[in-house]
Amino acid sequence: MAQLAPGDIGNICRCLCGDGVLGNTTILVSAANGCKDCTVKVCREQFTHCDLADIQGGSVSVHCIDRSALTPRIAVASLLVIVFLLVVTALGRERCRPLRKLHEAIGHRD
């Protein structure tokens, strides 16, 4: 498996080995190749219990989160904006009449 280059944020590759829930089975793979480096072979090489699960007939599966994809970035940014607006509304409701009306409109009553 290739090493991450400096500045490469990496994608998260989660290995699910066998039936039981095991400890940390997460690997960072290079973002340059997307999720192509997140394979069962890599999981078997990195974690011995994945190799044992594969030999004993258990399932080994992988899940990759592409951190450079647009969808996760939009989701996180949207949540941050919503939280910021809710905090501003709650803190400024006494100082500004439109914020007080907005605060009451989302269901809060004094």
PDB file of N, CA and C in Angstrom:
ATOM      1  N   MET A   1       0.844  -1.180   0.000  1.00  0.00           N
ATOM      2  CA  MET A   1       0.000   0.000   0.000  1.00  0.00           C
ATOM      3  C   MET A   1       0.887   1.241   0.000  1.00  0.00           C
ATOM      4  N   ALA A   2       0.557   2.217  -0.818  1.00  0.00           N
ATOM      5  CA  ALA A   2       1.355   3.428  -0.947  1.00  0.00           C
ATOM      6  C   ALA A   2       1.186   4.324   0.276  1.00  0.00           C
ATOM      7  N   GLN A   3       2.255   5.013   0.610  1.00  0.00           N
ATOM      8  CA  GLN A   3       2.222   5.962   1.714  1.00  0.00           C
ATOM      9  C   GLN A   3       1.485   7.226   1.274  1.00  0.00           C
ATOM     10  N   LEU A   4       0.877   7.905   2.224  1.00  0.00           N
ATOM     11  CA  LEU A   4       0.216   9.167   1.924  1.00  0.00           C
ATOM     12  C   LEU A   4       1.269  10.243   1.711  1.00  0.00           C
ATOM     13  N   ALA A   5       1.074  11.040   0.686  1.00  0.00           N
ATOM     14  CA  ALA A   5       1.980  12.155   0.431  1.00  0.00           C
ATOM     15  C   ALA A   5       1.669  13.281   1.413  1.00  0.00           C
ATOM     16  N   PRO A   6       2.672  14.088   1.758  1.00  0.00           N
ATOM     17  CA  PRO A   6       2.393  15.231   2.636  1.00  0.00           C
ATOM     18  C   PRO A   6       1.346  16.139   1.987  1.00  0.00           C
ATOM     19  N   GLY A   7       0.361  16.540   2.742  1.00  0.00           N
ATOM     20  CA  GLY A   7      -0.708  17.382   2.231  1.00  0.00           C
ATOM     21  C   GLY A   7      -1.881  16.605   1.664  1.00  0.00           C
ATOM     22  N   ASP A   8      -1.744  15.283   1.497  1.00  0.00           N
ATOM     23  CA  ASP A   8      -2.837  14.448   1.008  1.00  0.00           C
ATOM     24  C   ASP A   8      -3.772  14.166   2.184  1.00  0.00           C
ATOM     25  N   ILE A   9      -5.030  14.605   2.076  1.00  0.00           N
ATOM     26  CA  ILE A   9      -5.949  14.424   3.202  1.00  0.00           C
ATOM     27  C   ILE A   9      -6.301  12.975   3.419  1.00  0.00           C
ATOM     28  N   GLY A  10      -6.236  12.180   2.374  1.00  0.00           N
ATOM     29  CA  GLY A  10      -6.532  10.756   2.496  1.00  0.00           C
ATOM     30  C   GLY A  10      -8.018  10.482   2.611  1.00  0.00           C
ATOM     31  N   ASN A  11      -8.400   9.314   2.168  1.00  0.00           N
ATOM     32  CA  ASN A  11      -9.773   8.843   2.319  1.00  0.00           C
ATOM     33  C   ASN A  11      -9.810   7.810   3.435  1.00  0.00           C
ATOM     34  N   ILE A  12     -10.946   7.663   4.044  1.00  0.00           N
ATOM     35  CA  ILE A  12     -11.088   6.746   5.170  1.00  0.00           C
ATOM     36  C   ILE A  12     -11.590   5.409   4.645  1.00  0.00           C
ATOM     37  N   CYS A  13     -10.821   4.362   4.906  1.00  0.00           N
ATOM     38  CA  CYS A  13     -11.183   3.007   4.504  1.00  0.00           C
ATOM     39  C   CYS A  13     -11.462   2.209   5.774  1.00  0.00           C
ATOM     40  N   ARG A  14     -12.677   1.749   5.919  1.00  0.00           N
ATOM     41  CA  ARG A  14     -13.095   1.002   7.108  1.00  0.00           C
ATOM     42  C   ARG A  14     -13.241  -0.468   6.736  1.00  0.00           C
ATOM     43  N   CYS A  15     -12.523  -1.334   7.437  1.00  0.00           N
ATOM     44  CA  CYS A  15     -12.564  -2.769   7.187  1.00  0.00           C
ATOM     45  C   CYS A  15     -13.516  -3.422   8.187  1.00  0.00           C
ATOM     46  N   LEU A  16     -14.452  -4.205   7.691  1.00  0.00           N
ATOM     47  CA  LEU A  16     -15.382  -4.945   8.534  1.00  0.00           C
ATOM     48  C   LEU A  16     -15.047  -6.423   8.378  1.00  0.00           C
ATOM     49  N   CYS A  17     -14.503  -6.999   9.440  1.00  0.00           N
ATOM     50  CA  CYS A  17     -13.949  -8.352   9.370  1.00  0.00           C
ATOM     51  C   CYS A  17     -14.749  -9.309  10.250  1.00  0.00           C
ATOM     52  N   GLY A  18     -15.348 -10.312   9.649  1.00  0.00           N
ATOM     53  CA  GLY A  18     -16.083 -11.305  10.412  1.00  0.00           C
ATOM     54  C   GLY A  18     -17.383 -10.772  10.952  1.00  0.00           C
ATOM     55  N   ASP A  19     -17.937 -11.515  11.912  1.00  0.00           N
ATOM     56  CA  ASP A  19     -19.243 -11.167  12.465  1.00  0.00           C
ATOM     57  C   ASP A  19     -19.166 -10.233  13.659  1.00  0.00           C
ATOM     58  N   GLY A  20     -18.089 -10.292  14.424  1.00  0.00           N
ATOM     59  CA  GLY A  20     -17.979  -9.497  15.647  1.00  0.00           C
ATOM     60  C   GLY A  20     -17.503  -8.086  15.387  1.00  0.00           C
ATOM     61  N   VAL A  21     -17.812  -7.223  16.323  1.00  0.00           N
ATOM     62  CA  VAL A  21     -17.325  -5.853  16.262  1.00  0.00           C
ATOM     63  C   VAL A  21     -15.942  -5.837  16.898  1.00  0.00           C
ATOM     64  N   LEU A  22     -14.975  -5.435  16.118  1.00  0.00           N
ATOM     65  CA  LEU A  22     -13.594  -5.436  16.595  1.00  0.00           C
ATOM     66  C   LEU A  22     -13.126  -4.008  16.817  1.00  0.00           C
ATOM     67  N   GLY A  23     -11.901  -3.865  17.230  1.00  0.00           N
ATOM     68  CA  GLY A  23     -11.336  -2.547  17.505  1.00  0.00           C
ATOM     69  C   GLY A  23     -11.227  -1.699  16.249  1.00  0.00           C
ATOM     70  N   ASN A  24     -10.327  -0.777  16.269  1.00  0.00           N
ATOM     71  CA  ASN A  24     -10.140   0.161  15.174  1.00  0.00           C
ATOM     72  C   ASN A  24      -9.608  -0.563  13.942  1.00  0.00           C
ATOM     73  N   THR A  25     -10.392  -0.614  12.905  1.00  0.00           N
ATOM     74  CA  THR A  25      -9.971  -1.214  11.643  1.00  0.00           C
ATOM     75  C   THR A  25     -10.114  -0.181  10.538  1.00  0.00           C
ATOM     76  N   THR A  26      -9.532   0.982  10.764  1.00  0.00           N
ATOM     77  CA  THR A  26      -9.613   2.085   9.818  1.00  0.00           C
ATOM     78  C   THR A  26      -8.239   2.363   9.247  1.00  0.00           C
ATOM     79  N   ILE A  27      -8.194   2.565   7.953  1.00  0.00           N
ATOM     80  CA  ILE A  27      -6.946   2.871   7.248  1.00  0.00           C
ATOM     81  C   ILE A  27      -7.164   4.150   6.461  1.00  0.00           C
ATOM     82  N   LEU A  28      -6.153   4.999   6.398  1.00  0.00           N
ATOM     83  CA  LEU A  28      -6.191   6.146   5.498  1.00  0.00           C
ATOM     84  C   LEU A  28      -5.551   5.733   4.184  1.00  0.00           C
ATOM     85  N   VAL A  29      -6.281   5.904   3.095  1.00  0.00           N
ATOM     86  CA  VAL A  29      -5.751   5.596   1.768  1.00  0.00           C
ATOM     87  C   VAL A  29      -5.623   6.901   0.990  1.00  0.00           C
ATOM     88  N   SER A  30      -4.762   6.901   0.003  1.00  0.00           N
ATOM     89  CA  SER A  30      -4.480   8.106  -0.765  1.00  0.00           C
ATOM     90  C   SER A  30      -5.729   8.623  -1.465  1.00  0.00           C
ATOM     91  N   ALA A  31      -5.929   9.930  -1.402  1.00  0.00           N
ATOM     92  CA  ALA A  31      -7.076  10.543  -2.062  1.00  0.00           C
ATOM     93  C   ALA A  31      -6.849  10.659  -3.564  1.00  0.00           C
ATOM     94  N   ALA A  32      -5.602  10.512  -3.998  1.00  0.00           N
ATOM     95  CA  ALA A  32      -5.291  10.633  -5.421  1.00  0.00           C
ATOM     96  C   ALA A  32      -5.988   9.555  -6.247  1.00  0.00           C
ATOM     97  N   ASN A  33      -6.180   8.382  -5.677  1.00  0.00           N
ATOM     98  CA  ASN A  33      -6.819   7.274  -6.385  1.00  0.00           C
ATOM     99  C   ASN A  33      -8.283   7.110  -6.012  1.00  0.00           C
ATOM    100  N   GLY A  34      -8.853   8.065  -5.343  1.00  0.00           N
ATOM    101  CA  GLY A  34     -10.235   7.929  -4.889  1.00  0.00           C
ATOM    102  C   GLY A  34     -10.315   6.818  -3.860  1.00  0.00           C
ATOM    103  N   CYS A  35     -11.245   5.905  -4.036  1.00  0.00           N
ATOM    104  CA  CYS A  35     -11.397   4.783  -3.107  1.00  0.00           C
ATOM    105  C   CYS A  35     -10.905   3.469  -3.711  1.00  0.00           C
ATOM    106  N   LYS A  36     -10.131   3.554  -4.788  1.00  0.00           N
ATOM    107  CA  LYS A  36      -9.638   2.339  -5.461  1.00  0.00           C
ATOM    108  C   LYS A  36      -8.663   1.552  -4.594  1.00  0.00           C
ATOM    109  N   ASP A  37      -7.970   2.220  -3.666  1.00  0.00           N
ATOM    110  CA  ASP A  37      -7.002   1.533  -2.797  1.00  0.00           C
ATOM    111  C   ASP A  37      -7.658   0.869  -1.593  1.00  0.00           C
ATOM    112  N   CYS A  38      -8.934   1.047  -1.414  1.00  0.00           N
ATOM    113  CA  CYS A  38      -9.655   0.451  -0.286  1.00  0.00           C
ATOM    114  C   CYS A  38     -10.217  -0.888  -0.737  1.00  0.00           C
ATOM    115  N   THR A  39      -9.459  -1.956  -0.508  1.00  0.00           N
ATOM    116  CA  THR A  39      -9.841  -3.285  -0.983  1.00  0.00           C
ATOM    117  C   THR A  39      -9.772  -4.299   0.155  1.00  0.00           C
ATOM    118  N   VAL A  40     -10.387  -5.437  -0.049  1.00  0.00           N
ATOM    119  CA  VAL A  40     -10.334  -6.532   0.924  1.00  0.00           C
ATOM    120  C   VAL A  40      -8.883  -6.987   1.110  1.00  0.00           C
ATOM    121  N   LYS A  41      -8.125  -6.998   0.026  1.00  0.00           N
ATOM    122  CA  LYS A  41      -6.713  -7.406   0.098  1.00  0.00           C
ATOM    123  C   LYS A  41      -5.929  -6.513   1.061  1.00  0.00           C
ATOM    124  N   VAL A  42      -6.146  -5.216   0.985  1.00  0.00           N
ATOM    125  CA  VAL A  42      -5.461  -4.280   1.882  1.00  0.00           C
ATOM    126  C   VAL A  42      -5.857  -4.553   3.329  1.00  0.00           C
ATOM    127  N   CYS A  43      -7.132  -4.821   3.560  1.00  0.00           N
ATOM    128  CA  CYS A  43      -7.592  -5.105   4.925  1.00  0.00           C
ATOM    129  C   CYS A  43      -6.952  -6.379   5.467  1.00  0.00           C
ATOM    130  N   ARG A  44      -6.858  -7.410   4.625  1.00  0.00           N
ATOM    131  CA  ARG A  44      -6.232  -8.662   5.072  1.00  0.00           C
ATOM    132  C   ARG A  44      -4.753  -8.460   5.370  1.00  0.00           C
ATOM    133  N   GLU A  45      -4.078  -7.598   4.601  1.00  0.00           N
ATOM    134  CA  GLU A  45      -2.656  -7.340   4.835  1.00  0.00           C
ATOM    135  C   GLU A  45      -2.436  -6.534   6.111  1.00  0.00           C
ATOM    136  N   GLN A  46      -3.318  -5.602   6.395  1.00  0.00           N
ATOM    137  CA  GLN A  46      -3.128  -4.694   7.533  1.00  0.00           C
ATOM    138  C   GLN A  46      -3.608  -5.276   8.865  1.00  0.00           C
ATOM    139  N   PHE A  47      -4.639  -6.110   8.832  1.00  0.00           N
ATOM    140  CA  PHE A  47      -5.242  -6.617  10.061  1.00  0.00           C
ATOM    141  C   PHE A  47      -5.285  -8.141  10.014  1.00  0.00           C
ATOM    142  N   THR A  48      -4.627  -8.786  10.976  1.00  0.00           N
ATOM    143  CA  THR A  48      -4.565 -10.253  10.980  1.00  0.00           C
ATOM    144  C   THR A  48      -5.934 -10.877  11.210  1.00  0.00           C
ATOM    145  N   HIS A  49      -6.785 -10.245  12.015  1.00  0.00           N
ATOM    146  CA  HIS A  49      -8.114 -10.817  12.245  1.00  0.00           C
ATOM    147  C   HIS A  49      -8.969 -10.785  10.977  1.00  0.00           C
ATOM    148  N   CYS A  50      -8.696  -9.865  10.057  1.00  0.00           N
ATOM    149  CA  CYS A  50      -9.405  -9.877   8.772  1.00  0.00           C
ATOM    150  C   CYS A  50      -8.946 -11.062   7.933  1.00  0.00           C
ATOM    151  N   ASP A  51      -7.647 -11.342   7.978  1.00  0.00           N
ATOM    152  CA  ASP A  51      -7.120 -12.496   7.248  1.00  0.00           C
ATOM    153  C   ASP A  51      -7.696 -13.786   7.818  1.00  0.00           C
ATOM    154  N   LEU A  52      -7.769 -13.876   9.153  1.00  0.00           N
ATOM    155  CA  LEU A  52      -8.346 -15.067   9.788  1.00  0.00           C
ATOM    156  C   LEU A  52      -9.832 -15.213   9.458  1.00  0.00           C
ATOM    157  N   ALA A  53     -10.552 -14.115   9.458  1.00  0.00           N
ATOM    158  CA  ALA A  53     -11.983 -14.173   9.143  1.00  0.00           C
ATOM    159  C   ALA A  53     -12.190 -14.642   7.709  1.00  0.00           C
ATOM    160  N   ASP A  54     -11.332 -14.202   6.809  1.00  0.00           N
ATOM    161  CA  ASP A  54     -11.459 -14.603   5.415  1.00  0.00           C
ATOM    162  C   ASP A  54     -11.141 -16.091   5.244  1.00  0.00           C
ATOM    163  N   ILE A  55     -10.134 -16.589   5.957  1.00  0.00           N
ATOM    164  CA  ILE A  55      -9.748 -18.002   5.874  1.00  0.00           C
ATOM    165  C   ILE A  55     -10.829 -18.892   6.474  1.00  0.00           C
ATOM    166  N   GLN A  56     -11.434 -18.470   7.581  1.00  0.00           N
ATOM    167  CA  GLN A  56     -12.420 -19.284   8.286  1.00  0.00           C
ATOM    168  C   GLN A  56     -13.822 -19.167   7.691  1.00  0.00           C
ATOM    169  N   GLY A  57     -13.954 -18.483   6.586  1.00  0.00           N
ATOM    170  CA  GLY A  57     -15.255 -18.405   5.918  1.00  0.00           C
ATOM    171  C   GLY A  57     -16.094 -17.212   6.326  1.00  0.00           C
ATOM    172  N   GLY A  58     -15.569 -16.345   7.148  1.00  0.00           N
ATOM    173  CA  GLY A  58     -16.307 -15.140   7.523  1.00  0.00           C
ATOM    174  C   GLY A  58     -16.236 -14.114   6.408  1.00  0.00           C
ATOM    175  N   SER A  59     -17.019 -13.102   6.528  1.00  0.00           N
ATOM    176  CA  SER A  59     -17.029 -12.083   5.481  1.00  0.00           C
ATOM    177  C   SER A  59     -16.074 -10.944   5.834  1.00  0.00           C
ATOM    178  N   VAL A  60     -15.461 -10.413   4.830  1.00  0.00           N
ATOM    179  CA  VAL A  60     -14.628  -9.228   4.962  1.00  0.00           C
ATOM    180  C   VAL A  60     -15.150  -8.223   3.959  1.00  0.00           C
ATOM    181  N   SER A  61     -15.585  -7.075   4.439  1.00  0.00           N
ATOM    182  CA  SER A  61     -16.076  -6.050   3.526  1.00  0.00           C
ATOM    183  C   SER A  61     -15.422  -4.721   3.863  1.00  0.00           C
ATOM    184  N   VAL A  62     -15.438  -3.830   2.906  1.00  0.00           N
ATOM    185  CA  VAL A  62     -14.805  -2.523   3.073  1.00  0.00           C
ATOM    186  C   VAL A  62     -15.811  -1.427   2.756  1.00  0.00           C
ATOM    187  N   HIS A  63     -15.653  -0.324   3.443  1.00  0.00           N
ATOM    188  CA  HIS A  63     -16.447   0.872   3.195  1.00  0.00           C
ATOM    189  C   HIS A  63     -15.486   2.045   3.123  1.00  0.00           C
ATOM    190  N   CYS A  64     -15.607   2.847   2.096  1.00  0.00           N
ATOM    191  CA  CYS A  64     -14.690   3.962   1.891  1.00  0.00           C
ATOM    192  C   CYS A  64     -15.471   5.270   1.901  1.00  0.00           C
ATOM    193  N   ILE A  65     -14.922   6.259   2.578  1.00  0.00           N
ATOM    194  CA  ILE A  65     -15.501   7.604   2.589  1.00  0.00           C
ATOM    195  C   ILE A  65     -14.536   8.504   1.830  1.00  0.00           C
ATOM    196  N   ASP A  66     -14.983   9.001   0.700  1.00  0.00           N
ATOM    197  CA  ASP A  66     -14.165   9.888  -0.124  1.00  0.00           C
ATOM    198  C   ASP A  66     -14.311  11.309   0.420  1.00  0.00           C
ATOM    199  N   ARG A  67     -13.305  11.733   1.168  1.00  0.00           N
ATOM    200  CA  ARG A  67     -13.403  13.041   1.828  1.00  0.00           C
ATOM    201  C   ARG A  67     -13.258  14.208   0.871  1.00  0.00           C
ATOM    202  N   SER A  68     -12.817  13.957  -0.357  1.00  0.00           N
ATOM    203  CA  SER A  68     -12.706  15.046  -1.326  1.00  0.00           C
ATOM    204  C   SER A  68     -13.975  15.210  -2.153  1.00  0.00           C
ATOM    205  N   ALA A  69     -14.950  14.340  -1.971  1.00  0.00           N
ATOM    206  CA  ALA A  69     -16.204  14.420  -2.727  1.00  0.00           C
ATOM    207  C   ALA A  69     -17.006  15.649  -2.296  1.00  0.00           C
ATOM    208  N   LEU A  70     -17.822  16.133  -3.192  1.00  0.00           N
ATOM    209  CA  LEU A  70     -18.585  17.351  -2.943  1.00  0.00           C
ATOM    210  C   LEU A  70     -19.721  17.145  -1.937  1.00  0.00           C
ATOM    211  N   THR A  71     -20.390  16.013  -1.982  1.00  0.00           N
ATOM    212  CA  THR A  71     -21.556  15.784  -1.126  1.00  0.00           C
ATOM    213  C   THR A  71     -21.233  15.863   0.370  1.00  0.00           C
ATOM    214  N   PRO A  72     -20.187  15.166   0.880  1.00  0.00           N
ATOM    215  CA  PRO A  72     -19.897  15.312   2.310  1.00  0.00           C
ATOM    216  C   PRO A  72     -19.524  16.737   2.700  1.00  0.00           C
ATOM    217  N   ARG A  73     -18.849  17.435   1.818  1.00  0.00           N
ATOM    218  CA  ARG A  73     -18.477  18.828   2.120  1.00  0.00           C
ATOM    219  C   ARG A  73     -19.713  19.722   2.232  1.00  0.00           C
ATOM    220  N   ILE A  74     -20.667  19.526   1.332  1.00  0.00           N
ATOM    221  CA  ILE A  74     -21.900  20.318   1.388  1.00  0.00           C
ATOM    222  C   ILE A  74     -22.683  19.985   2.653  1.00  0.00           C
ATOM    223  N   ALA A  75     -22.753  18.715   3.015  1.00  0.00           N
ATOM    224  CA  ALA A  75     -23.496  18.305   4.212  1.00  0.00           C
ATOM    225  C   ALA A  75     -22.890  18.930   5.466  1.00  0.00           C
ATOM    226  N   VAL A  76     -21.577  18.869   5.608  1.00  0.00           N
ATOM    227  CA  VAL A  76     -20.919  19.429   6.788  1.00  0.00           C
ATOM    228  C   VAL A  76     -21.070  20.944   6.810  1.00  0.00           C
ATOM    229  N   ALA A  77     -20.867  21.594   5.677  1.00  0.00           N
ATOM    230  CA  ALA A  77     -20.999  23.050   5.626  1.00  0.00           C
ATOM    231  C   ALA A  77     -22.423  23.482   5.959  1.00  0.00           C
ATOM    232  N   SER A  78     -23.420  22.754   5.475  1.00  0.00           N
ATOM    233  CA  SER A  78     -24.815  23.092   5.770  1.00  0.00           C
ATOM    234  C   SER A  78     -25.114  22.978   7.261  1.00  0.00           C
ATOM    235  N   LEU A  79     -24.627  21.914   7.878  1.00  0.00           N
ATOM    236  CA  LEU A  79     -24.838  21.755   9.325  1.00  0.00           C
ATOM    237  C   LEU A  79     -24.182  22.880  10.112  1.00  0.00           C
ATOM    238  N   LEU A  80     -22.977  23.267   9.721  1.00  0.00           N
ATOM    239  CA  LEU A  80     -22.295  24.361  10.422  1.00  0.00           C
ATOM    240  C   LEU A  80     -23.053  25.678  10.268  1.00  0.00           C
ATOM    241  N   VAL A  81     -23.563  25.959   9.081  1.00  0.00           N
ATOM    242  CA  VAL A  81     -24.326  27.185   8.857  1.00  0.00           C
ATOM    243  C   VAL A  81     -25.606  27.173   9.683  1.00  0.00           C
ATOM    244  N   ILE A  82     -26.313  26.055   9.715  1.00  0.00           N
ATOM    245  CA  ILE A  82     -27.557  25.956  10.494  1.00  0.00           C
ATOM    246  C   ILE A  82     -27.285  26.159  11.976  1.00  0.00           C
ATOM    247  N   VAL A  83     -26.244  25.528  12.506  1.00  0.00           N
ATOM    248  CA  VAL A  83     -25.913  25.684  13.929  1.00  0.00           C
ATOM    249  C   VAL A  83     -25.547  27.131  14.223  1.00  0.00           C
ATOM    250  N   PHE A  84     -24.762  27.752  13.350  1.00  0.00           N
ATOM    251  CA  PHE A  84     -24.385  29.151  13.544  1.00  0.00           C
ATOM    252  C   PHE A  84     -25.620  30.053  13.574  1.00  0.00           C
ATOM    253  N   LEU A  85     -26.546  29.845  12.634  1.00  0.00           N
ATOM    254  CA  LEU A  85     -27.762  30.665  12.594  1.00  0.00           C
ATOM    255  C   LEU A  85     -28.632  30.454  13.830  1.00  0.00           C
ATOM    256  N   LEU A  86     -28.722  29.226  14.309  1.00  0.00           N
ATOM    257  CA  LEU A  86     -29.506  28.975  15.519  1.00  0.00           C
ATOM    258  C   LEU A  86     -28.888  29.644  16.741  1.00  0.00           C
ATOM    259  N   VAL A  87     -27.567  29.607  16.838  1.00  0.00           N
ATOM    260  CA  VAL A  87     -26.892  30.259  17.969  1.00  0.00           C
ATOM    261  C   VAL A  87     -27.081  31.772  17.896  1.00  0.00           C
ATOM    262  N   VAL A  88     -26.926  32.363  16.718  1.00  0.00           N
ATOM    263  CA  VAL A  88     -27.115  33.810  16.563  1.00  0.00           C
ATOM    264  C   VAL A  88     -28.551  34.189  16.895  1.00  0.00           C
ATOM    265  N   THR A  89     -29.508  33.399  16.459  1.00  0.00           N
ATOM    266  CA  THR A  89     -30.916  33.670  16.752  1.00  0.00           C
ATOM    267  C   THR A  89     -31.192  33.600  18.250  1.00  0.00           C
ATOM    268  N   ALA A  90     -30.641  32.593  18.915  1.00  0.00           N
ATOM    269  CA  ALA A  90     -30.880  32.448  20.359  1.00  0.00           C
ATOM    270  C   ALA A  90     -30.213  33.565  21.149  1.00  0.00           C
ATOM    271  N   LEU A  91     -29.014  33.955  20.755  1.00  0.00           N
ATOM    272  CA  LEU A  91     -28.301  34.997  21.499  1.00  0.00           C
ATOM    273  C   LEU A  91     -28.833  36.398  21.219  1.00  0.00           C
ATOM    274  N   GLY A  92     -29.340  36.617  20.012  1.00  0.00           N
ATOM    275  CA  GLY A  92     -29.757  37.969  19.650  1.00  0.00           C
ATOM    276  C   GLY A  92     -31.242  38.227  19.712  1.00  0.00           C
ATOM    277  N   ARG A  93     -32.004  37.298  20.236  1.00  0.00           N
ATOM    278  CA  ARG A  93     -33.461  37.459  20.212  1.00  0.00           C
ATOM    279  C   ARG A  93     -33.941  38.629  21.063  1.00  0.00           C
ATOM    280  N   GLU A  94     -33.228  38.997  22.114  1.00  0.00           N
ATOM    281  CA  GLU A  94     -33.641  40.115  22.967  1.00  0.00           C
ATOM    282  C   GLU A  94     -33.258  41.461  22.369  1.00  0.00           C
ATOM    283  N   ARG A  95     -32.279  41.482  21.504  1.00  0.00           N
ATOM    284  CA  ARG A  95     -31.765  42.740  20.965  1.00  0.00           C
ATOM    285  C   ARG A  95     -32.420  43.144  19.653  1.00  0.00           C
ATOM    286  N   CYS A  96     -32.961  42.199  18.936  1.00  0.00           N
ATOM    287  CA  CYS A  96     -33.444  42.481  17.590  1.00  0.00           C
ATOM    288  C   CYS A  96     -34.837  41.877  17.405  1.00  0.00           C
ATOM    289  N   ARG A  97     -35.790  42.711  17.043  1.00  0.00           N
ATOM    290  CA  ARG A  97     -37.176  42.258  16.905  1.00  0.00           C
ATOM    291  C   ARG A  97     -37.329  41.161  15.842  1.00  0.00           C
ATOM    292  N   PRO A  98     -36.710  41.277  14.648  1.00  0.00           N
ATOM    293  CA  PRO A  98     -36.852  40.190  13.670  1.00  0.00           C
ATOM    294  C   PRO A  98     -36.303  38.852  14.195  1.00  0.00           C
ATOM    295  N   LEU A  99     -35.211  38.884  14.960  1.00  0.00           N
ATOM    296  CA  LEU A  99     -34.683  37.649  15.526  1.00  0.00           C
ATOM    297  C   LEU A  99     -35.618  37.079  16.579  1.00  0.00           C
ATOM    298  N   ARG A 100     -36.289  37.955  17.346  1.00  0.00           N
ATOM    299  CA  ARG A 100     -37.249  37.490  18.340  1.00  0.00           C
ATOM    300  C   ARG A 100     -38.424  36.786  17.651  1.00  0.00           C
ATOM    301  N   LYS A 101     -38.894  37.366  16.538  1.00  0.00           N
ATOM    302  CA  LYS A 101     -39.992  36.749  15.790  1.00  0.00           C
ATOM    303  C   LYS A 101     -39.553  35.410  15.208  1.00  0.00           C
ATOM    304  N   LEU A 102     -38.322  35.344  14.703  1.00  0.00           N
ATOM    305  CA  LEU A 102     -37.801  34.091  14.162  1.00  0.00           C
ATOM    306  C   LEU A 102     -37.678  33.044  15.268  1.00  0.00           C
ATOM    307  N   HIS A 103     -37.206  33.445  16.430  1.00  0.00           N
ATOM    308  CA  HIS A 103     -37.052  32.549  17.574  1.00  0.00           C
ATOM    309  C   HIS A 103     -38.409  31.983  17.986  1.00  0.00           C
ATOM    310  N   GLU A 104     -39.428  32.822  18.008  1.00  0.00           N
ATOM    311  CA  GLU A 104     -40.781  32.355  18.345  1.00  0.00           C
ATOM    312  C   GLU A 104     -41.352  31.478  17.232  1.00  0.00           C
ATOM    313  N   ALA A 105     -41.001  31.775  15.992  1.00  0.00           N
ATOM    314  CA  ALA A 105     -41.526  31.003  14.856  1.00  0.00           C
ATOM    315  C   ALA A 105     -41.006  29.582  14.842  1.00  0.00           C
ATOM    316  N   ILE A 106     -39.794  29.361  15.367  1.00  0.00           N
ATOM    317  CA  ILE A 106     -39.263  27.985  15.375  1.00  0.00           C
ATOM    318  C   ILE A 106     -39.696  27.224  16.607  1.00  0.00           C
ATOM    319  N   GLY A 107     -40.605  27.796  17.377  1.00  0.00           N
ATOM    320  CA  GLY A 107     -41.249  27.018  18.419  1.00  0.00           C
ATOM    321  C   GLY A 107     -40.852  27.332  19.846  1.00  0.00           C
ATOM    322  N   HIS A 108     -40.076  28.357  20.100  1.00  0.00           N
ATOM    323  CA  HIS A 108     -39.677  28.677  21.470  1.00  0.00           C
ATOM    324  C   HIS A 108     -40.580  29.785  22.028  1.00  0.00           C
ATOM    325  N   ARG A 109     -41.077  29.556  23.195  1.00  0.00           N
ATOM    326  CA  ARG A 109     -41.916  30.551  23.889  1.00  0.00           C
ATOM    327  C   ARG A 109     -41.291  30.861  25.228  1.00  0.00           C
ATOM    328  N   ASP A 110     -41.375  32.103  25.632  1.00  0.00           N
ATOM    329  CA  ASP A 110     -40.829  32.487  26.954  1.00  0.00           C
ATOM    330  C   ASP A 110     -41.809  32.205  28.053  1.00  0.00           C
TER     331      ASP A 110
END
